[in-house]
Amino acid sequence: MASTTDRIKAVRAVRQLRRTRTFYAVAVLLWAASTTWTGWQAPGSRQMWVSALLLTVFTGLLLAASLWLQRLQATSPAKPDAAPRRTARPRHPTPDRRERGWRTALTRTRGGAGRAG
């Protein structure tokens, strides 16, 4: 069984890979549009080939990130083992309003907290 820190690291890695994959997908779309535009305006130009090269690079990065994410999700635990989103109740109950009011009144009569009374 994997330790808690391994599960937390896996969840963080999946989250980061999703963000990275989104960035690469946007980059692929932009470079595809750029390659299409420069290919239409100046076919065979240096700008078209540079756009095509960058499109290929970002497509490869997107493919690698997608495969890595797929492998991580296959080996990661199910969702119920993930950390809960809500925090647990505090260990020590907070004093009710009457107690807080009594303490506040006491510190006012003594001249405030930190002074010798």
PDB file of N, CA and C in Angstrom:
ATOM      1  N   MET A   1       0.837  -1.179   0.000  1.00  0.00           N
ATOM      2  CA  MET A   1       0.000   0.000   0.000  1.00  0.00           C
ATOM      3  C   MET A   1       0.884   1.246   0.000  1.00  0.00           C
ATOM      4  N   ALA A   2       0.520   2.208  -0.793  1.00  0.00           N
ATOM      5  CA  ALA A   2       1.298   3.437  -0.909  1.00  0.00           C
ATOM      6  C   ALA A   2       1.080   4.322   0.316  1.00  0.00           C
ATOM      7  N   SER A   3       2.139   5.067   0.663  1.00  0.00           N
ATOM      8  CA  SER A   3       2.006   5.961   1.807  1.00  0.00           C
ATOM      9  C   SER A   3       1.167   7.182   1.429  1.00  0.00           C
ATOM     10  N   THR A   4       0.800   7.942   2.435  1.00  0.00           N
ATOM     11  CA  THR A   4      -0.036   9.120   2.210  1.00  0.00           C
ATOM     12  C   THR A   4       0.698  10.156   1.379  1.00  0.00           C
ATOM     13  N   THR A   5       1.984  10.338   1.640  1.00  0.00           N
ATOM     14  CA  THR A   5       2.731  11.340   0.881  1.00  0.00           C
ATOM     15  C   THR A   5       2.848  10.953  -0.583  1.00  0.00           C
ATOM     16  N   ASP A   6       2.958   9.647  -0.866  1.00  0.00           N
ATOM     17  CA  ASP A   6       3.002   9.212  -2.263  1.00  0.00           C
ATOM     18  C   ASP A   6       1.690   9.509  -2.966  1.00  0.00           C
ATOM     19  N   ARG A   7       0.580   9.315  -2.261  1.00  0.00           N
ATOM     20  CA  ARG A   7      -0.727   9.605  -2.862  1.00  0.00           C
ATOM     21  C   ARG A   7      -0.903  11.098  -3.100  1.00  0.00           C
ATOM     22  N   ILE A   8      -0.458  11.910  -2.147  1.00  0.00           N
ATOM     23  CA  ILE A   8      -0.569  13.361  -2.306  1.00  0.00           C
ATOM     24  C   ILE A   8       0.284  13.823  -3.477  1.00  0.00           C
ATOM     25  N   LYS A   9       1.492  13.271  -3.591  1.00  0.00           N
ATOM     26  CA  LYS A   9       2.360  13.640  -4.710  1.00  0.00           C
ATOM     27  C   LYS A   9       1.739  13.219  -6.036  1.00  0.00           C
ATOM     28  N   ALA A  10       1.095  12.070  -6.070  1.00  0.00           N
ATOM     29  CA  ALA A  10       0.455  11.609  -7.300  1.00  0.00           C
ATOM     30  C   ALA A  10      -0.700  12.522  -7.689  1.00  0.00           C
ATOM     31  N   VAL A  11      -1.481  12.962  -6.707  1.00  0.00           N
ATOM     32  CA  VAL A  11      -2.599  13.862  -6.980  1.00  0.00           C
ATOM     33  C   VAL A  11      -2.083  15.195  -7.496  1.00  0.00           C
ATOM     34  N   ARG A  12      -1.008  15.701  -6.890  1.00  0.00           N
ATOM     35  CA  ARG A  12      -0.413  16.959  -7.349  1.00  0.00           C
ATOM     36  C   ARG A  12       0.155  16.816  -8.760  1.00  0.00           C
ATOM     37  N   ALA A  13       0.798  15.685  -9.034  1.00  0.00           N
ATOM     38  CA  ALA A  13       1.370  15.468 -10.361  1.00  0.00           C
ATOM     39  C   ALA A  13       0.280  15.417 -11.421  1.00  0.00           C
ATOM     40  N   VAL A  14      -0.831  14.768 -11.116  1.00  0.00           N
ATOM     41  CA  VAL A  14      -1.946  14.694 -12.068  1.00  0.00           C
ATOM     42  C   VAL A  14      -2.498  16.093 -12.321  1.00  0.00           C
ATOM     43  N   ARG A  15      -2.671  16.876 -11.267  1.00  0.00           N
ATOM     44  CA  ARG A  15      -3.191  18.238 -11.420  1.00  0.00           C
ATOM     45  C   ARG A  15      -2.252  19.092 -12.273  1.00  0.00           C
ATOM     46  N   GLN A  16      -0.943  18.989 -12.017  1.00  0.00           N
ATOM     47  CA  GLN A  16       0.026  19.765 -12.783  1.00  0.00           C
ATOM     48  C   GLN A  16       0.071  19.309 -14.240  1.00  0.00           C
ATOM     49  N   LEU A  17      -0.024  18.015 -14.472  1.00  0.00           N
ATOM     50  CA  LEU A  17      -0.013  17.518 -15.850  1.00  0.00           C
ATOM     51  C   LEU A  17      -1.251  17.955 -16.615  1.00  0.00           C
ATOM     52  N   ARG A  18      -2.378  18.056 -15.943  1.00  0.00           N
ATOM     53  CA  ARG A  18      -3.588  18.553 -16.619  1.00  0.00           C
ATOM     54  C   ARG A  18      -3.404  19.992 -17.058  1.00  0.00           C
ATOM     55  N   ARG A  19      -2.810  20.813 -16.177  1.00  0.00           N
ATOM     56  CA  ARG A  19      -2.550  22.208 -16.545  1.00  0.00           C
ATOM     57  C   ARG A  19      -1.559  22.294 -17.697  1.00  0.00           C
ATOM     58  N   THR A  20      -0.518  21.494 -17.637  1.00  0.00           N
ATOM     59  CA  THR A  20       0.491  21.499 -18.690  1.00  0.00           C
ATOM     60  C   THR A  20      -0.097  21.032 -20.008  1.00  0.00           C
ATOM     61  N   ARG A  21      -0.932  20.014 -19.955  1.00  0.00           N
ATOM     62  CA  ARG A  21      -1.563  19.500 -21.162  1.00  0.00           C
ATOM     63  C   ARG A  21      -2.466  20.559 -21.800  1.00  0.00           C
ATOM     64  N   THR A  22      -3.167  21.315 -20.973  1.00  0.00           N
ATOM     65  CA  THR A  22      -4.006  22.397 -21.489  1.00  0.00           C
ATOM     66  C   THR A  22      -3.154  23.460 -22.178  1.00  0.00           C
ATOM     67  N   PHE A  23      -2.034  23.812 -21.571  1.00  0.00           N
ATOM     68  CA  PHE A  23      -1.128  24.792 -22.172  1.00  0.00           C
ATOM     69  C   PHE A  23      -0.614  24.294 -23.521  1.00  0.00           C
ATOM     70  N   TYR A  24      -0.190  23.037 -23.575  1.00  0.00           N
ATOM     71  CA  TYR A  24       0.309  22.477 -24.836  1.00  0.00           C
ATOM     72  C   TYR A  24      -0.789  22.415 -25.895  1.00  0.00           C
ATOM     73  N   ALA A  25      -2.008  22.120 -25.497  1.00  0.00           N
ATOM     74  CA  ALA A  25      -3.113  22.062 -26.465  1.00  0.00           C
ATOM     75  C   ALA A  25      -3.376  23.444 -27.066  1.00  0.00           C
ATOM     76  N   VAL A  26      -3.332  24.476 -26.228  1.00  0.00           N
ATOM     77  CA  VAL A  26      -3.513  25.840 -26.735  1.00  0.00           C
ATOM     78  C   VAL A  26      -2.363  26.211 -27.664  1.00  0.00           C
ATOM     79  N   ALA A  27      -1.143  25.833 -27.282  1.00  0.00           N
ATOM     80  CA  ALA A  27       0.019  26.128 -28.131  1.00  0.00           C
ATOM     81  C   ALA A  27      -0.090  25.409 -29.474  1.00  0.00           C
ATOM     82  N   VAL A  28      -0.556  24.169 -29.477  1.00  0.00           N
ATOM     83  CA  VAL A  28      -0.728  23.430 -30.729  1.00  0.00           C
ATOM     84  C   VAL A  28      -1.750  24.138 -31.616  1.00  0.00           C
ATOM     85  N   LEU A  29      -2.843  24.585 -31.031  1.00  0.00           N
ATOM     86  CA  LEU A  29      -3.858  25.297 -31.812  1.00  0.00           C
ATOM     87  C   LEU A  29      -3.299  26.596 -32.404  1.00  0.00           C
ATOM     88  N   LEU A  30      -2.554  27.345 -31.606  1.00  0.00           N
ATOM     89  CA  LEU A  30      -1.982  28.595 -32.099  1.00  0.00           C
ATOM     90  C   LEU A  30      -0.960  28.366 -33.205  1.00  0.00           C
ATOM     91  N   TRP A  31      -0.091  27.375 -33.017  1.00  0.00           N
ATOM     92  CA  TRP A  31       0.920  27.111 -34.042  1.00  0.00           C
ATOM     93  C   TRP A  31       0.310  26.486 -35.289  1.00  0.00           C
ATOM     94  N   ALA A  32      -0.773  25.751 -35.137  1.00  0.00           N
ATOM     95  CA  ALA A  32      -1.473  25.232 -36.321  1.00  0.00           C
ATOM     96  C   ALA A  32      -2.078  26.379 -37.117  1.00  0.00           C
ATOM     97  N   ALA A  33      -2.678  27.340 -36.417  1.00  0.00           N
ATOM     98  CA  ALA A  33      -3.225  28.515 -37.101  1.00  0.00           C
ATOM     99  C   ALA A  33      -2.119  29.325 -37.760  1.00  0.00           C
ATOM    100  N   SER A  34      -0.987  29.485 -37.067  1.00  0.00           N
ATOM    101  CA  SER A  34       0.139  30.226 -37.634  1.00  0.00           C
ATOM    102  C   SER A  34       0.719  29.530 -38.856  1.00  0.00           C
ATOM    103  N   THR A  35       0.845  28.202 -38.775  1.00  0.00           N
ATOM    104  CA  THR A  35       1.372  27.448 -39.914  1.00  0.00           C
ATOM    105  C   THR A  35       0.431  27.546 -41.110  1.00  0.00           C
ATOM    106  N   THR A  36      -0.851  27.447 -40.847  1.00  0.00           N
ATOM    107  CA  THR A  36      -1.832  27.560 -41.927  1.00  0.00           C
ATOM    108  C   THR A  36      -1.780  28.951 -42.556  1.00  0.00           C
ATOM    109  N   TRP A  37      -1.728  29.970 -41.718  1.00  0.00           N
ATOM    110  CA  TRP A  37      -1.699  31.344 -42.222  1.00  0.00           C
ATOM    111  C   TRP A  37      -0.440  31.619 -43.038  1.00  0.00           C
ATOM    112  N   THR A  38       0.732  31.259 -42.494  1.00  0.00           N
ATOM    113  CA  THR A  38       1.974  31.523 -43.230  1.00  0.00           C
ATOM    114  C   THR A  38       2.085  30.637 -44.458  1.00  0.00           C
ATOM    115  N   GLY A  39       1.525  29.429 -44.405  1.00  0.00           N
ATOM    116  CA  GLY A  39       1.524  28.569 -45.592  1.00  0.00           C
ATOM    117  C   GLY A  39       0.638  29.134 -46.694  1.00  0.00           C
ATOM    118  N   TRP A  40      -0.414  29.831 -46.298  1.00  0.00           N
ATOM    119  CA  TRP A  40      -1.325  30.455 -47.265  1.00  0.00           C
ATOM    120  C   TRP A  40      -0.692  31.726 -47.853  1.00  0.00           C
ATOM    121  N   GLN A  41      -0.050  32.521 -46.988  1.00  0.00           N
ATOM    122  CA  GLN A  41       0.524  33.796 -47.421  1.00  0.00           C
ATOM    123  C   GLN A  41       1.841  33.630 -48.175  1.00  0.00           C
ATOM    124  N   ALA A  42       2.709  32.779 -47.645  1.00  0.00           N
ATOM    125  CA  ALA A  42       4.043  32.607 -48.251  1.00  0.00           C
ATOM    126  C   ALA A  42       4.420  31.140 -48.197  1.00  0.00           C
ATOM    127  N   PRO A  43       3.903  30.333 -49.123  1.00  0.00           N
ATOM    128  CA  PRO A  43       4.215  28.903 -49.084  1.00  0.00           C
ATOM    129  C   PRO A  43       5.713  28.638 -49.291  1.00  0.00           C
ATOM    130  N   GLY A  44       6.244  27.760 -48.457  1.00  0.00           N
ATOM    131  CA  GLY A  44       7.650  27.384 -48.580  1.00  0.00           C
ATOM    132  C   GLY A  44       8.612  28.362 -47.956  1.00  0.00           C
ATOM    133  N   SER A  45       8.121  29.397 -47.276  1.00  0.00           N
ATOM    134  CA  SER A  45       9.013  30.392 -46.680  1.00  0.00           C
ATOM    135  C   SER A  45       9.610  29.862 -45.368  1.00  0.00           C
ATOM    136  N   ARG A  46      10.612  30.581 -44.892  1.00  0.00           N
ATOM    137  CA  ARG A  46      11.265  30.197 -43.648  1.00  0.00           C
ATOM    138  C   ARG A  46      10.281  30.279 -42.474  1.00  0.00           C
ATOM    139  N   GLN A  47       9.415  31.303 -42.469  1.00  0.00           N
ATOM    140  CA  GLN A  47       8.446  31.456 -41.395  1.00  0.00           C
ATOM    141  C   GLN A  47       7.484  30.267 -41.353  1.00  0.00           C
ATOM    142  N   MET A  48       7.100  29.767 -42.505  1.00  0.00           N
ATOM    143  CA  MET A  48       6.198  28.621 -42.537  1.00  0.00           C
ATOM    144  C   MET A  48       6.877  27.388 -41.953  1.00  0.00           C
ATOM    145  N   TRP A  49       8.149  27.187 -42.298  1.00  0.00           N
ATOM    146  CA  TRP A  49       8.853  26.009 -41.792  1.00  0.00           C
ATOM    147  C   TRP A  49       9.131  26.108 -40.297  1.00  0.00           C
ATOM    148  N   VAL A  50       9.405  27.305 -39.818  1.00  0.00           N
ATOM    149  CA  VAL A  50       9.600  27.479 -38.371  1.00  0.00           C
ATOM    150  C   VAL A  50       8.283  27.215 -37.632  1.00  0.00           C
ATOM    151  N   SER A  51       7.179  27.717 -38.189  1.00  0.00           N
ATOM    152  CA  SER A  51       5.867  27.458 -37.586  1.00  0.00           C
ATOM    153  C   SER A  51       5.558  25.965 -37.589  1.00  0.00           C
ATOM    154  N   ALA A  52       5.887  25.297 -38.684  1.00  0.00           N
ATOM    155  CA  ALA A  52       5.646  23.854 -38.772  1.00  0.00           C
ATOM    156  C   ALA A  52       6.514  23.097 -37.766  1.00  0.00           C
ATOM    157  N   LEU A  53       7.755  23.537 -37.583  1.00  0.00           N
ATOM    158  CA  LEU A  53       8.642  22.901 -36.604  1.00  0.00           C
ATOM    159  C   LEU A  53       8.107  23.079 -35.184  1.00  0.00           C
ATOM    160  N   LEU A  54       7.679  24.302 -34.847  1.00  0.00           N
ATOM    161  CA  LEU A  54       7.134  24.536 -33.507  1.00  0.00           C
ATOM    162  C   LEU A  54       5.814  23.796 -33.304  1.00  0.00           C
ATOM    163  N   LEU A  55       5.021  23.669 -34.358  1.00  0.00           N
ATOM    164  CA  LEU A  55       3.793  22.873 -34.265  1.00  0.00           C
ATOM    165  C   LEU A  55       4.134  21.419 -33.956  1.00  0.00           C
ATOM    166  N   THR A  56       5.156  20.894 -34.606  1.00  0.00           N
ATOM    167  CA  THR A  56       5.583  19.515 -34.364  1.00  0.00           C
ATOM    168  C   THR A  56       6.103  19.340 -32.935  1.00  0.00           C
ATOM    169  N   VAL A  57       6.882  20.307 -32.463  1.00  0.00           N
ATOM    170  CA  VAL A  57       7.432  20.226 -31.102  1.00  0.00           C
ATOM    171  C   VAL A  57       6.307  20.219 -30.065  1.00  0.00           C
ATOM    172  N   PHE A  58       5.368  21.149 -30.184  1.00  0.00           N
ATOM    173  CA  PHE A  58       4.283  21.216 -29.202  1.00  0.00           C
ATOM    174  C   PHE A  58       3.326  20.031 -29.332  1.00  0.00           C
ATOM    175  N   THR A  59       3.173  19.497 -30.529  1.00  0.00           N
ATOM    176  CA  THR A  59       2.353  18.292 -30.681  1.00  0.00           C
ATOM    177  C   THR A  59       3.007  17.118 -29.956  1.00  0.00           C
ATOM    178  N   GLY A  60       4.326  16.993 -30.081  1.00  0.00           N
ATOM    179  CA  GLY A  60       5.050  15.948 -29.363  1.00  0.00           C
ATOM    180  C   GLY A  60       4.963  16.106 -27.853  1.00  0.00           C
ATOM    181  N   LEU A  61       5.084  17.355 -27.383  1.00  0.00           N
ATOM    182  CA  LEU A  61       4.963  17.607 -25.947  1.00  0.00           C
ATOM    183  C   LEU A  61       3.562  17.284 -25.441  1.00  0.00           C
ATOM    184  N   LEU A  62       2.546  17.637 -26.238  1.00  0.00           N
ATOM    185  CA  LEU A  62       1.167  17.325 -25.861  1.00  0.00           C
ATOM    186  C   LEU A  62       0.954  15.819 -25.804  1.00  0.00           C
ATOM    187  N   LEU A  63       1.497  15.106 -26.762  1.00  0.00           N
ATOM    188  CA  LEU A  63       1.371  13.646 -26.773  1.00  0.00           C
ATOM    189  C   LEU A  63       2.069  13.030 -25.559  1.00  0.00           C
ATOM    190  N   ALA A  64       3.273  13.505 -25.255  1.00  0.00           N
ATOM    191  CA  ALA A  64       4.009  12.971 -24.108  1.00  0.00           C
ATOM    192  C   ALA A  64       3.270  13.255 -22.794  1.00  0.00           C
ATOM    193  N   ALA A  65       2.770  14.474 -22.638  1.00  0.00           N
ATOM    194  CA  ALA A  65       2.042  14.821 -21.406  1.00  0.00           C
ATOM    195  C   ALA A  65       0.757  14.010 -21.288  1.00  0.00           C
ATOM    196  N   SER A  66       0.078  13.787 -22.407  1.00  0.00           N
ATOM    197  CA  SER A  66      -1.167  13.005 -22.366  1.00  0.00           C
ATOM    198  C   SER A  66      -0.897  11.551 -21.986  1.00  0.00           C
ATOM    199  N   LEU A  67       0.148  10.966 -22.556  1.00  0.00           N
ATOM    200  CA  LEU A  67       0.492   9.576 -22.219  1.00  0.00           C
ATOM    201  C   LEU A  67       0.922   9.455 -20.757  1.00  0.00           C
ATOM    202  N   TRP A  68       1.708  10.406 -20.294  1.00  0.00           N
ATOM    203  CA  TRP A  68       2.179  10.381 -18.913  1.00  0.00           C
ATOM    204  C   TRP A  68       0.994  10.530 -17.959  1.00  0.00           C
ATOM    205  N   LEU A  69       0.057  11.414 -18.290  1.00  0.00           N
ATOM    206  CA  LEU A  69      -1.131  11.594 -17.464  1.00  0.00           C
ATOM    207  C   LEU A  69      -1.982  10.326 -17.441  1.00  0.00           C
ATOM    208  N   GLN A  70      -2.107   9.693 -18.585  1.00  0.00           N
ATOM    209  CA  GLN A  70      -2.891   8.461 -18.662  1.00  0.00           C
ATOM    210  C   GLN A  70      -2.266   7.364 -17.799  1.00  0.00           C
ATOM    211  N   ARG A  71      -0.953   7.259 -17.819  1.00  0.00           N
ATOM    212  CA  ARG A  71      -0.265   6.253 -16.988  1.00  0.00           C
ATOM    213  C   ARG A  71      -0.393   6.570 -15.508  1.00  0.00           C
ATOM    214  N   LEU A  72      -0.274   7.854 -15.160  1.00  0.00           N
ATOM    215  CA  LEU A  72      -0.401   8.234 -13.752  1.00  0.00           C
ATOM    216  C   LEU A  72      -1.807   7.976 -13.231  1.00  0.00           C
ATOM    217  N   GLN A  73      -2.817   8.258 -14.034  1.00  0.00           N
ATOM    218  CA  GLN A  73      -4.182   8.032 -13.599  1.00  0.00           C
ATOM    219  C   GLN A  73      -4.483   6.549 -13.473  1.00  0.00           C
ATOM    220  N   ALA A  74      -3.844   5.716 -14.279  1.00  0.00           N
ATOM    221  CA  ALA A  74      -4.076   4.277 -14.196  1.00  0.00           C
ATOM    222  C   ALA A  74      -3.470   3.692 -12.924  1.00  0.00           C
ATOM    223  N   THR A  75      -2.369   4.269 -12.441  1.00  0.00           N
ATOM    224  CA  THR A  75      -1.704   3.737 -11.252  1.00  0.00           C
ATOM    225  C   THR A  75      -2.111   4.449  -9.974  1.00  0.00           C
ATOM    226  N   SER A  76      -2.765   5.607 -10.077  1.00  0.00           N
ATOM    227  CA  SER A  76      -3.134   6.353  -8.871  1.00  0.00           C
ATOM    228  C   SER A  76      -4.356   5.716  -8.207  1.00  0.00           C
ATOM    229  N   PRO A  77      -4.503   5.940  -6.903  1.00  0.00           N
ATOM    230  CA  PRO A  77      -5.646   5.361  -6.189  1.00  0.00           C
ATOM    231  C   PRO A  77      -6.950   6.027  -6.599  1.00  0.00           C
ATOM    232  N   ALA A  78      -8.036   5.407  -6.183  1.00  0.00           N
ATOM    233  CA  ALA A  78      -9.359   5.947  -6.486  1.00  0.00           C
ATOM    234  C   ALA A  78      -9.590   7.246  -5.716  1.00  0.00           C
ATOM    235  N   LYS A  79     -10.598   7.989  -6.082  1.00  0.00           N
ATOM    236  CA  LYS A  79     -10.884   9.286  -5.468  1.00  0.00           C
ATOM    237  C   LYS A  79     -11.180   9.238  -3.972  1.00  0.00           C
ATOM    238  N   PRO A  80     -11.852   8.223  -3.435  1.00  0.00           N
ATOM    239  CA  PRO A  80     -12.152   8.267  -2.000  1.00  0.00           C
ATOM    240  C   PRO A  80     -10.916   8.330  -1.112  1.00  0.00           C
ATOM    241  N   ASP A  81      -9.753   7.912  -1.605  1.00  0.00           N
ATOM    242  CA  ASP A  81      -8.544   7.974  -0.804  1.00  0.00           C
ATOM    243  C   ASP A  81      -7.923   9.360  -0.804  1.00  0.00           C
ATOM    244  N   ALA A  82      -8.391  10.246  -1.651  1.00  0.00           N
ATOM    245  CA  ALA A  82      -7.834  11.587  -1.711  1.00  0.00           C
ATOM    246  C   ALA A  82      -8.225  12.366  -0.453  1.00  0.00           C
ATOM    247  N   ALA A  83      -7.483  13.428  -0.200  1.00  0.00           N
ATOM    248  CA  ALA A  83      -7.738  14.232   0.987  1.00  0.00           C
ATOM    249  C   ALA A  83      -9.093  14.922   0.879  1.00  0.00           C
ATOM    250  N   PRO A  84      -9.812  15.010   1.984  1.00  0.00           N
ATOM    251  CA  PRO A  84     -11.120  15.671   1.940  1.00  0.00           C
ATOM    252  C   PRO A  84     -10.952  17.167   1.718  1.00  0.00           C
ATOM    253  N   ARG A  85     -11.935  17.772   1.093  1.00  0.00           N
ATOM    254  CA  ARG A  85     -11.886  19.209   0.820  1.00  0.00           C
ATOM    255  C   ARG A  85     -12.253  20.035   2.051  1.00  0.00           C
ATOM    256  N   ARG A  86     -13.140  19.509   2.896  1.00  0.00           N
ATOM    257  CA  ARG A  86     -13.530  20.238   4.093  1.00  0.00           C
ATOM    258  C   ARG A  86     -12.577  19.939   5.233  1.00  0.00           C
ATOM    259  N   THR A  87     -12.346  20.940   6.041  1.00  0.00           N
ATOM    260  CA  THR A  87     -11.494  20.715   7.206  1.00  0.00           C
ATOM    261  C   THR A  87     -12.323  20.102   8.321  1.00  0.00           C
ATOM    262  N   ALA A  88     -11.660  19.381   9.168  1.00  0.00           N
ATOM    263  CA  ALA A  88     -12.342  18.750  10.293  1.00  0.00           C
ATOM    264  C   ALA A  88     -12.674  19.812  11.342  1.00  0.00           C
ATOM    265  N   ARG A  89     -13.514  19.433  12.289  1.00  0.00           N
ATOM    266  CA  ARG A  89     -13.845  20.362  13.373  1.00  0.00           C
ATOM    267  C   ARG A  89     -12.593  20.661  14.178  1.00  0.00           C
ATOM    268  N   PRO A  90     -12.496  21.832  14.770  1.00  0.00           N
ATOM    269  CA  PRO A  90     -11.328  22.139  15.596  1.00  0.00           C
ATOM    270  C   PRO A  90     -11.264  21.195  16.797  1.00  0.00           C
ATOM    271  N   ARG A  91     -10.077  20.909  17.237  1.00  0.00           N
ATOM    272  CA  ARG A  91      -9.903  19.982  18.360  1.00  0.00           C
ATOM    273  C   ARG A  91     -10.432  20.565  19.669  1.00  0.00           C
ATOM    274  N   HIS A  92     -10.177  21.848  19.863  1.00  0.00           N
ATOM    275  CA  HIS A  92     -10.620  22.483  21.100  1.00  0.00           C
ATOM    276  C   HIS A  92     -11.812  23.371  20.777  1.00  0.00           C
ATOM    277  N   PRO A  93     -12.909  23.182  21.491  1.00  0.00           N
ATOM    278  CA  PRO A  93     -14.077  24.018  21.189  1.00  0.00           C
ATOM    279  C   PRO A  93     -13.801  25.472  21.548  1.00  0.00           C
ATOM    280  N   THR A  94     -14.304  26.365  20.727  1.00  0.00           N
ATOM    281  CA  THR A  94     -14.132  27.784  21.027  1.00  0.00           C
ATOM    282  C   THR A  94     -15.094  28.170  22.145  1.00  0.00           C
ATOM    283  N   PRO A  95     -14.704  29.128  22.983  1.00  0.00           N
ATOM    284  CA  PRO A  95     -15.599  29.520  24.080  1.00  0.00           C
ATOM    285  C   PRO A  95     -16.842  30.193  23.528  1.00  0.00           C
ATOM    286  N   ASP A  96     -17.920  30.057  24.243  1.00  0.00           N
ATOM    287  CA  ASP A  96     -19.146  30.687  23.773  1.00  0.00           C
ATOM    288  C   ASP A  96     -19.066  32.198  24.002  1.00  0.00           C
ATOM    289  N   ARG A  97     -20.080  32.912  23.583  1.00  0.00           N
ATOM    290  CA  ARG A  97     -20.051  34.374  23.609  1.00  0.00           C
ATOM    291  C   ARG A  97     -19.929  34.915  25.026  1.00  0.00           C
ATOM    292  N   ARG A  98     -20.593  34.275  25.961  1.00  0.00           N
ATOM    293  CA  ARG A  98     -20.535  34.772  27.337  1.00  0.00           C
ATOM    294  C   ARG A  98     -19.119  34.722  27.889  1.00  0.00           C
ATOM    295  N   GLU A  99     -18.411  33.627  27.616  1.00  0.00           N
ATOM    296  CA  GLU A  99     -17.042  33.513  28.118  1.00  0.00           C
ATOM    297  C   GLU A  99     -16.139  34.542  27.461  1.00  0.00           C
ATOM    298  N   ARG A 100     -16.283  34.734  26.155  1.00  0.00           N
ATOM    299  CA  ARG A 100     -15.454  35.711  25.468  1.00  0.00           C
ATOM    300  C   ARG A 100     -15.742  37.115  26.007  1.00  0.00           C
ATOM    301  N   GLY A 101     -17.006  37.416  26.264  1.00  0.00           N
ATOM    302  CA  GLY A 101     -17.353  38.725  26.805  1.00  0.00           C
ATOM    303  C   GLY A 101     -16.774  38.947  28.195  1.00  0.00           C
ATOM    304  N   TRP A 102     -16.780  37.905  29.015  1.00  0.00           N
ATOM    305  CA  TRP A 102     -16.228  37.997  30.356  1.00  0.00           C
ATOM    306  C   TRP A 102     -14.731  38.260  30.305  1.00  0.00           C
ATOM    307  N   ARG A 103     -14.020  37.559  29.405  1.00  0.00           N
ATOM    308  CA  ARG A 103     -12.577  37.754  29.285  1.00  0.00           C
ATOM    309  C   ARG A 103     -12.255  39.143  28.754  1.00  0.00           C
ATOM    310  N   THR A 104     -13.036  39.611  27.814  1.00  0.00           N
ATOM    311  CA  THR A 104     -12.802  40.942  27.260  1.00  0.00           C
ATOM    312  C   THR A 104     -13.028  42.004  28.321  1.00  0.00           C
ATOM    313  N   ALA A 105     -14.074  41.863  29.122  1.00  0.00           N
ATOM    314  CA  ALA A 105     -14.353  42.831  30.182  1.00  0.00           C
ATOM    315  C   ALA A 105     -13.253  42.818  31.228  1.00  0.00           C
ATOM    316  N   LEU A 106     -12.711  41.647  31.536  1.00  0.00           N
ATOM    317  CA  LEU A 106     -11.655  41.538  32.523  1.00  0.00           C
ATOM    318  C   LEU A 106     -10.393  42.240  32.050  1.00  0.00           C
ATOM    319  N   THR A 107     -10.028  42.070  30.789  1.00  0.00           N
ATOM    320  CA  THR A 107      -8.811  42.717  30.293  1.00  0.00           C
ATOM    321  C   THR A 107      -8.999  44.222  30.209  1.00  0.00           C
ATOM    322  N   ARG A 108     -10.235  44.702  30.012  1.00  0.00           N
ATOM    323  CA  ARG A 108     -10.468  46.153  29.977  1.00  0.00           C
ATOM    324  C   ARG A 108     -10.299  46.759  31.374  1.00  0.00           C
ATOM    325  N   THR A 109     -10.760  46.075  32.412  1.00  0.00           N
ATOM    326  CA  THR A 109     -10.660  46.621  33.763  1.00  0.00           C
ATOM    327  C   THR A 109      -9.238  46.587  34.271  1.00  0.00           C
ATOM    328  N   ARG A 110      -8.461  45.643  33.795  1.00  0.00           N
ATOM    329  CA  ARG A 110      -7.064  45.554  34.245  1.00  0.00           C
ATOM    330  C   ARG A 110      -6.166  46.514  33.469  1.00  0.00           C
ATOM    331  N   GLY A 111      -6.690  47.133  32.467  1.00  0.00           N
ATOM    332  CA  GLY A 111      -5.859  48.076  31.713  1.00  0.00           C
ATOM    333  C   GLY A 111      -5.326  47.453  30.436  1.00  0.00           C
ATOM    334  N   GLY A 112      -5.911  46.367  29.981  1.00  0.00           N
ATOM    335  CA  GLY A 112      -5.478  45.753  28.740  1.00  0.00           C
ATOM    336  C   GLY A 112      -4.543  44.596  28.994  1.00  0.00           C
ATOM    337  N   ALA A 113      -4.372  43.786  28.003  1.00  0.00           N
ATOM    338  CA  ALA A 113      -3.499  42.620  28.134  1.00  0.00           C
ATOM    339  C   ALA A 113      -2.064  43.062  28.114  1.00  0.00           C
ATOM    340  N   GLY A 114      -1.237  42.426  28.882  1.00  0.00           N
ATOM    341  CA  GLY A 114       0.184  42.712  28.892  1.00  0.00           C
ATOM    342  C   GLY A 114       0.615  43.678  29.983  1.00  0.00           C
ATOM    343  N   ARG A 115      -0.317  44.375  30.610  1.00  0.00           N
ATOM    344  CA  ARG A 115       0.032  45.293  31.696  1.00  0.00           C
ATOM    345  C   ARG A 115      -0.170  44.600  33.038  1.00  0.00           C
ATOM    346  N   ALA A 116       0.645  44.945  33.953  1.00  0.00           N
ATOM    347  CA  ALA A 116       0.471  44.379  35.296  1.00  0.00           C
ATOM    348  C   ALA A 116      -0.667  45.104  35.997  1.00  0.00           C
ATOM    349  N   GLY A 117      -1.559  44.354  36.624  1.00  0.00           N
ATOM    350  CA  GLY A 117      -2.750  44.960  37.169  1.00  0.00           C
ATOM    351  C   GLY A 117      -2.690  45.180  38.571  1.00  0.00           C
TER     352      GLY A 117
END
